[in-house]
């Protein structure tokens, strides 16, 4: 839904991921859910190339991750979503940003998903509309 909405707003979406088979499978699952054109560079970039892609981006959207911190280091406007980890500690610095979280009582926590099950309800329940609205708001404030 995020990719479709961003494409409808005129944005070119680039998907990145590591070369791990599980990550590449996840990217394929995502691509199967959209007909919007996507530049898929998952599993093919080293860190320098990833930095090159990110440094030329108009904006970055993604979860708390190395690419999110790279985007912040390049001062790329960033929409970051956080699940179990505390955003107050790990949020991007030195860039225009919007932090999106699910305001539930157990967040933040110390688990890698609910009950250590590797699936975090606080991430899974974030809506595409909320995430895209955060990007739209961020970009409108930058262009003002």
Foldseek 3Di string as FASTA:
>chain_A
DLLVVCVVVVDAAEDEAAQDPVGVVVVVVVVVVDPRDHHYCYHPDDPVVLLVVLLPDQAEEEEQDPSQQSNLVSQREYEYEYFQDDCVVRPHPNHHYDYDWQPDDCHNDDECDVVNPVHHPGVVPDDSVVSVVRVVVSVVVVVD
